[in-house]
């Protein structure tokens, strides 16, 4: 699995694990197609992976990733944003065309 966690995403995940987890808990990241980045996520802190989840450690953060997430996250950078308009994980997928690019292309056609 080739994906990257930014320091901001790592910090957010560690904070969630400290607040809601116990020793051995992991951050479950269930990614599905959707949103302007092409990806949407359902996140949770669990004591153990669910059946079919892969356990992946990145920079000391234990992730529980379902099969679909492992496929969708290939080449993606996972970041965390905390701004006036957005708070949460942000997915930067170089394979995805942004929403504004779709709108621009439709106007050009």
C-alpha atoms as a PDB file:
ATOM      1  CA  UNK A   1       0.000   0.000   0.000  1.00  0.00           C
ATOM      2  CA  UNK A   2       1.458   3.246  -1.159  1.00  0.00           C
ATOM      3  CA  UNK A   3      -0.058   6.204   0.703  1.00  0.00           C
ATOM      4  CA  UNK A   4       1.314   9.025   2.821  1.00  0.00           C
ATOM      5  CA  UNK A   5       0.184  10.541   6.127  1.00  0.00           C
ATOM      6  CA  UNK A   6       1.121  14.172   6.677  1.00  0.00           C
ATOM      7  CA  UNK A   7       2.293  15.246  10.145  1.00  0.00           C
ATOM      8  CA  UNK A   8      -1.085  16.997  10.650  1.00  0.00           C
ATOM      9  CA  UNK A   9      -2.988  13.780   9.843  1.00  0.00           C
ATOM     10  CA  UNK A  10      -0.728  11.786  12.165  1.00  0.00           C
ATOM     11  CA  UNK A  11      -1.310  14.287  14.974  1.00  0.00           C
ATOM     12  CA  UNK A  12      -5.098  14.098  14.510  1.00  0.00           C
ATOM     13  CA  UNK A  13      -5.083  10.285  14.479  1.00  0.00           C
ATOM     14  CA  UNK A  14      -2.857  10.087  17.574  1.00  0.00           C
ATOM     15  CA  UNK A  15      -5.149  12.536  19.394  1.00  0.00           C
ATOM     16  CA  UNK A  16      -8.201  10.403  18.508  1.00  0.00           C
ATOM     17  CA  UNK A  17      -6.429   7.235  19.657  1.00  0.00           C
ATOM     18  CA  UNK A  18      -5.437   8.837  22.984  1.00  0.00           C
ATOM     19  CA  UNK A  19      -8.944  10.184  23.569  1.00  0.00           C
ATOM     20  CA  UNK A  20     -10.993   7.148  22.533  1.00  0.00           C
ATOM     21  CA  UNK A  21      -8.641   4.173  22.492  1.00  0.00           C
ATOM     22  CA  UNK A  22      -6.807   1.814  24.774  1.00  0.00           C
ATOM     23  CA  UNK A  23      -3.467   0.043  24.393  1.00  0.00           C
ATOM     24  CA  UNK A  24      -3.523  -1.764  21.057  1.00  0.00           C
ATOM     25  CA  UNK A  25      -6.379   0.282  19.591  1.00  0.00           C
ATOM     26  CA  UNK A  26      -6.238   1.368  15.982  1.00  0.00           C
ATOM     27  CA  UNK A  27      -7.639   4.105  13.787  1.00  0.00           C
ATOM     28  CA  UNK A  28     -10.114   2.554  11.324  1.00  0.00           C
ATOM     29  CA  UNK A  29     -10.246   4.397   8.030  1.00  0.00           C
ATOM     30  CA  UNK A  30     -13.046   3.172   5.752  1.00  0.00           C
ATOM     31  CA  UNK A  31     -12.641   5.077   2.492  1.00  0.00           C
ATOM     32  CA  UNK A  32     -15.242   5.165  -0.272  1.00  0.00           C
ATOM     33  CA  UNK A  33     -15.555   7.021  -3.577  1.00  0.00           C
ATOM     34  CA  UNK A  34     -17.079  10.499  -3.234  1.00  0.00           C
ATOM     35  CA  UNK A  35     -16.424  14.174  -2.600  1.00  0.00           C
ATOM     36  CA  UNK A  36     -14.333  16.646  -4.589  1.00  0.00           C
ATOM     37  CA  UNK A  37     -11.118  14.754  -3.849  1.00  0.00           C
ATOM     38  CA  UNK A  38     -12.795  11.607  -5.112  1.00  0.00           C
ATOM     39  CA  UNK A  39     -12.756  10.062  -1.630  1.00  0.00           C
ATOM     40  CA  UNK A  40     -14.868  10.192   1.511  1.00  0.00           C
ATOM     41  CA  UNK A  41     -14.075   8.479   4.807  1.00  0.00           C
ATOM     42  CA  UNK A  42     -15.789   6.974   7.804  1.00  0.00           C
ATOM     43  CA  UNK A  43     -13.387   7.049  10.745  1.00  0.00           C
ATOM     44  CA  UNK A  44     -13.439   5.361  14.133  1.00  0.00           C
ATOM     45  CA  UNK A  45     -11.164   4.160  16.905  1.00  0.00           C
ATOM     46  CA  UNK A  46     -11.505   0.435  17.558  1.00  0.00           C
ATOM     47  CA  UNK A  47      -9.918  -1.971  20.017  1.00  0.00           C
ATOM     48  CA  UNK A  48      -9.333  -4.541  17.247  1.00  0.00           C
ATOM     49  CA  UNK A  49      -9.599  -4.689  13.468  1.00  0.00           C
ATOM     50  CA  UNK A  50     -12.842  -5.836  11.915  1.00  0.00           C
ATOM     51  CA  UNK A  51     -12.868  -9.031   9.824  1.00  0.00           C
ATOM     52  CA  UNK A  52     -11.093  -8.351   6.521  1.00  0.00           C
ATOM     53  CA  UNK A  53      -9.239  -5.282   7.797  1.00  0.00           C
ATOM     54  CA  UNK A  54      -5.489  -5.085   7.275  1.00  0.00           C
ATOM     55  CA  UNK A  55      -3.413  -3.681  10.122  1.00  0.00           C
ATOM     56  CA  UNK A  56      -0.965  -1.103   8.768  1.00  0.00           C
ATOM     57  CA  UNK A  57       1.436   0.994  10.837  1.00  0.00           C
ATOM     58  CA  UNK A  58       2.624   4.337   9.512  1.00  0.00           C
ATOM     59  CA  UNK A  59       4.963   6.436  11.614  1.00  0.00           C
ATOM     60  CA  UNK A  60       3.733   4.800  14.817  1.00  0.00           C
ATOM     61  CA  UNK A  61       0.025   5.164  13.965  1.00  0.00           C
ATOM     62  CA  UNK A  62      -1.851   1.861  13.790  1.00  0.00           C
ATOM     63  CA  UNK A  63      -4.473   1.866  11.031  1.00  0.00           C
ATOM     64  CA  UNK A  64      -7.207  -0.665  10.387  1.00  0.00           C
ATOM     65  CA  UNK A  65      -7.963  -0.593   6.649  1.00  0.00           C
ATOM     66  CA  UNK A  66     -10.790  -2.463   4.913  1.00  0.00           C
ATOM     67  CA  UNK A  67     -10.051  -3.970   1.476  1.00  0.00           C
ATOM     68  CA  UNK A  68     -11.724  -1.152  -0.506  1.00  0.00           C
ATOM     69  CA  UNK A  69      -9.744   1.459   1.434  1.00  0.00           C
ATOM     70  CA  UNK A  70      -6.479  -0.272   0.612  1.00  0.00           C
ATOM     71  CA  UNK A  71      -7.289  -0.039  -3.094  1.00  0.00           C
ATOM     72  CA  UNK A  72      -8.565   3.546  -3.048  1.00  0.00           C
ATOM     73  CA  UNK A  73      -5.666   4.943  -0.994  1.00  0.00           C
ATOM     74  CA  UNK A  74      -2.987   3.913  -3.500  1.00  0.00           C
ATOM     75  CA  UNK A  75      -0.856   6.993  -4.211  1.00  0.00           C
ATOM     76  CA  UNK A  76      -2.961   9.244  -1.947  1.00  0.00           C
ATOM     77  CA  UNK A  77      -1.673  11.748   0.612  1.00  0.00           C
ATOM     78  CA  UNK A  78      -3.867  11.950   3.726  1.00  0.00           C
ATOM     79  CA  UNK A  79      -3.830  15.344   5.424  1.00  0.00           C
ATOM     80  CA  UNK A  80      -5.826  17.054   8.173  1.00  0.00           C
ATOM     81  CA  UNK A  81      -7.399  20.482   7.752  1.00  0.00           C
ATOM     82  CA  UNK A  82      -8.832  22.717  10.475  1.00  0.00           C
ATOM     83  CA  UNK A  83     -10.091  25.874   8.789  1.00  0.00           C
ATOM     84  CA  UNK A  84     -13.218  28.016   8.876  1.00  0.00           C
ATOM     85  CA  UNK A  85     -14.678  26.015   5.988  1.00  0.00           C
ATOM     86  CA  UNK A  86     -13.368  22.523   6.680  1.00  0.00           C
ATOM     87  CA  UNK A  87     -12.295  20.361   9.590  1.00  0.00           C
ATOM     88  CA  UNK A  88     -11.252  16.770   9.078  1.00  0.00           C
ATOM     89  CA  UNK A  89      -9.190  14.460   6.961  1.00  0.00           C
ATOM     90  CA  UNK A  90      -8.412  15.624   3.450  1.00  0.00           C
ATOM     91  CA  UNK A  91      -7.388  13.269   0.671  1.00  0.00           C
ATOM     92  CA  UNK A  92      -5.013  14.480  -2.037  1.00  0.00           C
ATOM     93  CA  UNK A  93      -5.302  12.008  -4.895  1.00  0.00           C
ATOM     94  CA  UNK A  94      -3.138  12.828  -7.921  1.00  0.00           C
ATOM     95  CA  UNK A  95      -5.367  10.570 -10.040  1.00  0.00           C
ATOM     96  CA  UNK A  96      -8.519  12.576  -9.246  1.00  0.00           C
ATOM     97  CA  UNK A  97      -9.691  15.608 -11.213  1.00  0.00           C
ATOM     98  CA  UNK A  98     -10.994  18.337  -8.901  1.00  0.00           C
ATOM     99  CA  UNK A  99     -14.635  19.450  -8.897  1.00  0.00           C
ATOM    100  CA  UNK A 100     -13.707  22.869 -10.282  1.00  0.00           C
ATOM    101  CA  UNK A 101     -11.868  21.195 -13.164  1.00  0.00           C
ATOM    102  CA  UNK A 102     -15.029  19.224 -14.028  1.00  0.00           C
ATOM    103  CA  UNK A 103     -17.064  22.446 -14.002  1.00  0.00           C
ATOM    104  CA  UNK A 104     -14.465  24.239 -16.107  1.00  0.00           C
ATOM    105  CA  UNK A 105     -14.370  21.400 -18.629  1.00  0.00           C
ATOM    106  CA  UNK A 106     -18.185  21.420 -18.885  1.00  0.00           C
ATOM    107  CA  UNK A 107     -18.115  25.154 -19.615  1.00  0.00           C
ATOM    108  CA  UNK A 108     -15.473  24.663 -22.295  1.00  0.00           C
ATOM    109  CA  UNK A 109     -17.422  21.882 -24.074  1.00  0.00           C
END
